[in-house]
Each structure stands twice: as C-alpha cells, then as structure tokens.
Amino acid sequence: MARSIDQQIAETQAKLARLKERQKASETRRKIIVGSVVISNALREPEKARALAALLRRAVTREVDQKELAGLIEELDQAAEKAGRS
C-alpha cells in the first residue's frame, strides 16, 4: 500500500530531526575535544595559561558559568604563577 503524503512528510521530518541531533552531537564532541586540547596545553605553558584565564574572565559573563569555571581559572592562575617563580 502506498504511503500517504502526510506519512511521507512525517517520515521526512523524523529523518531531519535525527540528522539535526547527529549534527549537534558532532558539534558538541568537537567542542569537547578542542577544549581539552586548549586546557591541557595552557596548563603546561604559563603564558597560555595566563591568556586563557584572562579570556575566560572576560568572555564568560553568566554567573552560573563563572561558578562552573572558577576551579579551572584558579588552576590556570597557578600554572601561570609557576613561570614567575622559576
């Protein structure tokens, strides 16, 4: 039995929704990977730690996000200070 136009539309919309989910998941994975690389690198290189901490302080404006990043910023500050003590 042939599918009705409405059934075809519903199937196409469902397929589009699945593709959008996959796209969003891919974007999220990329952000996680890039963030991990940037943080790891910054924690090893004091100048980059200083720059990343400054960027986060300047760019992260939502209070809930600032609270989430407070520990990381402190860790970056400590990594940046190691250069001054060496």
Protein backbone atom coordinates (compact mmCIF):
# COMPACT_ATOMS: atom_id res chain seq x y z
CA MET A 1 0.00 0.00 0.00
CA ALA A 2 1.38 3.41 -0.92
CA ARG A 3 2.26 5.83 1.81
CA SER A 4 0.17 8.93 2.03
CA ILE A 5 1.68 12.39 1.57
CA ASP A 6 1.20 13.02 5.31
CA GLN A 7 3.11 9.82 6.14
CA GLN A 8 5.94 10.79 3.81
CA ILE A 9 6.12 14.25 5.38
CA ALA A 10 6.18 12.77 8.90
CA GLU A 11 8.96 10.33 7.92
CA THR A 12 10.99 13.10 6.31
CA GLN A 13 10.56 15.34 9.36
CA ALA A 14 11.64 12.49 11.63
CA LYS A 15 14.71 11.88 9.47
CA LEU A 16 15.56 15.60 9.54
CA ALA A 17 15.23 15.63 13.34
CA ARG A 18 17.63 12.66 13.59
CA LEU A 19 20.13 14.37 11.30
CA LYS A 20 19.94 17.57 13.38
CA GLU A 21 20.59 15.53 16.54
CA ARG A 22 23.63 13.92 14.95
CA GLN A 23 24.92 17.31 13.83
CA LYS A 24 24.50 18.76 17.32
CA ALA A 25 26.25 15.75 18.88
CA SER A 26 29.12 16.14 16.44
CA GLU A 27 29.47 19.85 17.26
CA THR A 28 29.45 19.05 20.98
CA ARG A 29 32.16 16.39 20.54
CA ARG A 30 34.31 18.88 18.60
CA LYS A 31 33.95 21.47 21.34
CA ILE A 32 34.93 18.93 23.99
CA ILE A 33 37.99 17.82 22.04
CA VAL A 34 39.15 21.36 21.28
CA GLY A 35 38.52 22.46 24.86
CA SER A 36 40.50 19.53 26.20
CA VAL A 37 43.46 20.29 23.93
CA VAL A 38 43.42 24.01 24.77
CA ILE A 39 43.19 23.42 28.53
CA SER A 40 45.90 20.74 28.54
CA ASN A 41 48.23 22.96 26.54
CA ALA A 42 47.54 26.01 28.70
CA LEU A 43 48.25 24.10 31.90
CA ARG A 44 51.70 23.17 30.54
CA GLU A 45 52.61 26.61 29.19
CA PRO A 46 52.39 29.51 31.67
CA GLU A 47 51.90 32.24 29.06
CA LYS A 48 49.00 30.33 27.52
CA ALA A 49 47.56 29.67 30.98
CA ARG A 50 47.63 33.41 31.69
CA ALA A 51 45.98 34.20 28.35
CA LEU A 52 43.27 31.56 28.71
CA ALA A 53 42.44 32.65 32.27
CA ALA A 54 42.16 36.26 31.09
CA LEU A 55 39.97 35.26 28.15
CA LEU A 56 37.64 33.23 30.37
CA ARG A 57 37.33 36.07 32.88
CA ARG A 58 36.48 38.49 30.08
CA ALA A 59 34.23 36.28 27.92
CA VAL A 60 32.26 34.24 30.45
CA THR A 61 29.58 36.56 31.77
CA ARG A 62 26.85 34.30 33.13
CA GLU A 63 27.22 33.79 36.87
CA VAL A 64 26.39 30.08 36.66
CA ASP A 65 29.14 29.59 34.05
CA GLN A 66 31.61 31.64 36.09
CA LYS A 67 30.98 29.39 39.10
CA GLU A 68 31.49 26.30 36.94
CA LEU A 69 34.84 27.60 35.67
CA ALA A 70 36.16 29.01 38.95
CA GLY A 71 38.28 25.93 39.71
CA LEU A 72 39.74 25.84 36.20
CA ILE A 73 40.61 29.54 36.29
CA GLU A 74 42.32 29.04 39.64
CA GLU A 75 44.29 26.12 38.19
CA LEU A 76 45.28 28.26 35.19
CA ASP A 77 46.38 31.08 37.53
CA GLN A 78 48.56 28.63 39.45
CA ALA A 79 50.10 27.34 36.21
CA ALA A 80 50.81 30.93 35.14
CA GLU A 81 52.41 31.74 38.52
CA LYS A 82 54.85 28.83 38.16
CA ALA A 83 56.64 30.79 35.45
CA GLY A 84 57.11 33.73 37.80
CA ARG A 85 58.63 31.50 40.48
CA SER A 86 61.04 29.71 38.16
